[in-house]
Amino acid sequence: MLDRPIRTDTFYPNDLDTLRAVFDAMCQEFDVLPDTAAAHSVARELIRLFQTGMTEPAMLMIAVRARWQGDWKTEDSNAA
């Protein structure tokens, strides 16, 4: 499941492009507005997963969806 070794120090431009694309897709799918607590949670989880070596967009989306269903989903996901 891991695409590359664990990294905690540097993100390259293509890494940021991947993270941004997945973040945008997840926020749209979850109907979460940017700069809300829910969006920050999505971003934190994406970075955590990426740093553990999960770098494929499809795998990131699967993992974030699972987390969303399990822990984050609230009735008012657009609240700040």
C-alpha atoms as a PDB file:
ATOM      1  CA  MET A   1       0.000   0.000   0.000  1.00  0.00           C
ATOM      2  CA  LEU A   2       2.916   2.366   0.567  1.00  0.00           C
ATOM      3  CA  ASP A   3       4.260   3.946  -2.591  1.00  0.00           C
ATOM      4  CA  ARG A   4       7.531   5.245  -1.207  1.00  0.00           C
ATOM      5  CA  PRO A   5       9.497   5.335   2.047  1.00  0.00           C
ATOM      6  CA  ILE A   6       8.296   7.380   5.006  1.00  0.00           C
ATOM      7  CA  ARG A   7       9.189  11.045   4.714  1.00  0.00           C
ATOM      8  CA  THR A   8       8.594  13.869   7.076  1.00  0.00           C
ATOM      9  CA  ASP A   9      10.755  16.708   5.863  1.00  0.00           C
ATOM     10  CA  THR A  10      10.196  17.935   2.310  1.00  0.00           C
ATOM     11  CA  PHE A  11       7.307  18.229  -0.105  1.00  0.00           C
ATOM     12  CA  TYR A  12       8.143  18.676  -3.775  1.00  0.00           C
ATOM     13  CA  PRO A  13       5.945  20.644  -6.198  1.00  0.00           C
ATOM     14  CA  ASN A  14       4.409  17.478  -7.646  1.00  0.00           C
ATOM     15  CA  ASP A  15       3.673  16.293  -4.085  1.00  0.00           C
ATOM     16  CA  LEU A  16       1.829  19.529  -3.388  1.00  0.00           C
ATOM     17  CA  ASP A  17      -0.064  19.207  -6.665  1.00  0.00           C
ATOM     18  CA  THR A  18      -1.186  15.705  -5.669  1.00  0.00           C
ATOM     19  CA  LEU A  19      -2.196  16.776  -2.171  1.00  0.00           C
ATOM     20  CA  ARG A  20      -4.091  19.806  -3.491  1.00  0.00           C
ATOM     21  CA  ALA A  21      -5.971  17.787  -6.102  1.00  0.00           C
ATOM     22  CA  VAL A  22      -7.013  15.155  -3.567  1.00  0.00           C
ATOM     23  CA  PHE A  23      -7.918  17.822  -0.984  1.00  0.00           C
ATOM     24  CA  ASP A  24     -10.102  19.673  -3.498  1.00  0.00           C
ATOM     25  CA  ALA A  25     -11.800  16.446  -4.597  1.00  0.00           C
ATOM     26  CA  MET A  26     -12.471  15.339  -1.019  1.00  0.00           C
ATOM     27  CA  CYS A  27     -13.847  18.727   0.031  1.00  0.00           C
ATOM     28  CA  GLN A  28     -16.174  18.713  -2.963  1.00  0.00           C
ATOM     29  CA  GLU A  29     -17.271  15.126  -2.312  1.00  0.00           C
ATOM     30  CA  PHE A  30     -17.879  15.782   1.398  1.00  0.00           C
ATOM     31  CA  ASP A  31     -19.498  19.184   0.723  1.00  0.00           C
ATOM     32  CA  VAL A  32     -16.906  20.851   2.950  1.00  0.00           C
ATOM     33  CA  LEU A  33     -15.990  24.490   2.491  1.00  0.00           C
ATOM     34  CA  PRO A  34     -12.300  25.448   2.468  1.00  0.00           C
ATOM     35  CA  ASP A  35     -10.915  27.065   5.614  1.00  0.00           C
ATOM     36  CA  THR A  36     -13.302  25.266   7.953  1.00  0.00           C
ATOM     37  CA  ALA A  37     -12.473  22.882  10.772  1.00  0.00           C
ATOM     38  CA  ALA A  38     -13.603  19.950   8.621  1.00  0.00           C
ATOM     39  CA  ALA A  39     -11.367  21.041   5.715  1.00  0.00           C
ATOM     40  CA  HIS A  40      -8.422  21.397   8.093  1.00  0.00           C
ATOM     41  CA  SER A  41      -9.046  17.860   9.324  1.00  0.00           C
ATOM     42  CA  VAL A  42      -9.031  16.555   5.756  1.00  0.00           C
ATOM     43  CA  ALA A  43      -5.777  18.399   5.032  1.00  0.00           C
ATOM     44  CA  ARG A  44      -4.096  17.112   8.205  1.00  0.00           C
ATOM     45  CA  GLU A  45      -5.072  13.536   7.403  1.00  0.00           C
ATOM     46  CA  LEU A  46      -3.840  13.832   3.810  1.00  0.00           C
ATOM     47  CA  ILE A  47      -0.470  15.126   4.962  1.00  0.00           C
ATOM     48  CA  ARG A  48      -0.207  12.427   7.640  1.00  0.00           C
ATOM     49  CA  LEU A  49      -0.969   9.694   5.115  1.00  0.00           C
ATOM     50  CA  PHE A  50       1.398  11.173   2.531  1.00  0.00           C
ATOM     51  CA  GLN A  51       4.222  11.328   5.058  1.00  0.00           C
ATOM     52  CA  THR A  52       3.770   7.652   5.863  1.00  0.00           C
ATOM     53  CA  GLY A  53       4.347   6.825   2.204  1.00  0.00           C
ATOM     54  CA  MET A  54       0.832   6.714   0.765  1.00  0.00           C
ATOM     55  CA  THR A  55       1.224   8.955  -2.266  1.00  0.00           C
ATOM     56  CA  GLU A  56      -1.168   7.563  -4.883  1.00  0.00           C
ATOM     57  CA  PRO A  57      -4.230   9.828  -5.218  1.00  0.00           C
ATOM     58  CA  ALA A  58      -6.681   6.905  -5.380  1.00  0.00           C
ATOM     59  CA  MET A  59      -5.289   5.358  -2.199  1.00  0.00           C
ATOM     60  CA  LEU A  60      -5.329   8.715  -0.410  1.00  0.00           C
ATOM     61  CA  MET A  61      -8.982   9.186  -1.368  1.00  0.00           C
ATOM     62  CA  ILE A  62      -9.927   5.719  -0.134  1.00  0.00           C
ATOM     63  CA  ALA A  63      -8.193   6.298   3.192  1.00  0.00           C
ATOM     64  CA  VAL A  64      -9.702   9.754   3.697  1.00  0.00           C
ATOM     65  CA  ARG A  65     -13.185   8.478   2.810  1.00  0.00           C
ATOM     66  CA  ALA A  66     -12.834   5.718   5.389  1.00  0.00           C
ATOM     67  CA  ARG A  67     -11.747   8.220   8.010  1.00  0.00           C
ATOM     68  CA  TRP A  68     -14.548  10.614   7.065  1.00  0.00           C
ATOM     69  CA  GLN A  69     -17.169   7.899   7.452  1.00  0.00           C
ATOM     70  CA  GLY A  70     -15.685   6.729  10.737  1.00  0.00           C
ATOM     71  CA  ASP A  71     -14.668   9.842  12.635  1.00  0.00           C
ATOM     72  CA  TRP A  72     -15.299  13.206  11.046  1.00  0.00           C
ATOM     73  CA  LYS A  73     -18.729  13.292   9.508  1.00  0.00           C
ATOM     74  CA  THR A  74     -20.941  15.783  11.302  1.00  0.00           C
ATOM     75  CA  GLU A  75     -24.321  17.205  10.546  1.00  0.00           C
ATOM     76  CA  ASP A  76     -22.827  20.655   9.938  1.00  0.00           C
ATOM     77  CA  SER A  77     -19.571  19.937   8.083  1.00  0.00           C
ATOM     78  CA  ASN A  78     -19.415  23.479   6.706  1.00  0.00           C
ATOM     79  CA  ALA A  79     -19.223  25.087  10.133  1.00  0.00           C
ATOM     80  CA  ALA A  80     -16.028  26.898  10.975  1.00  0.00           C
END
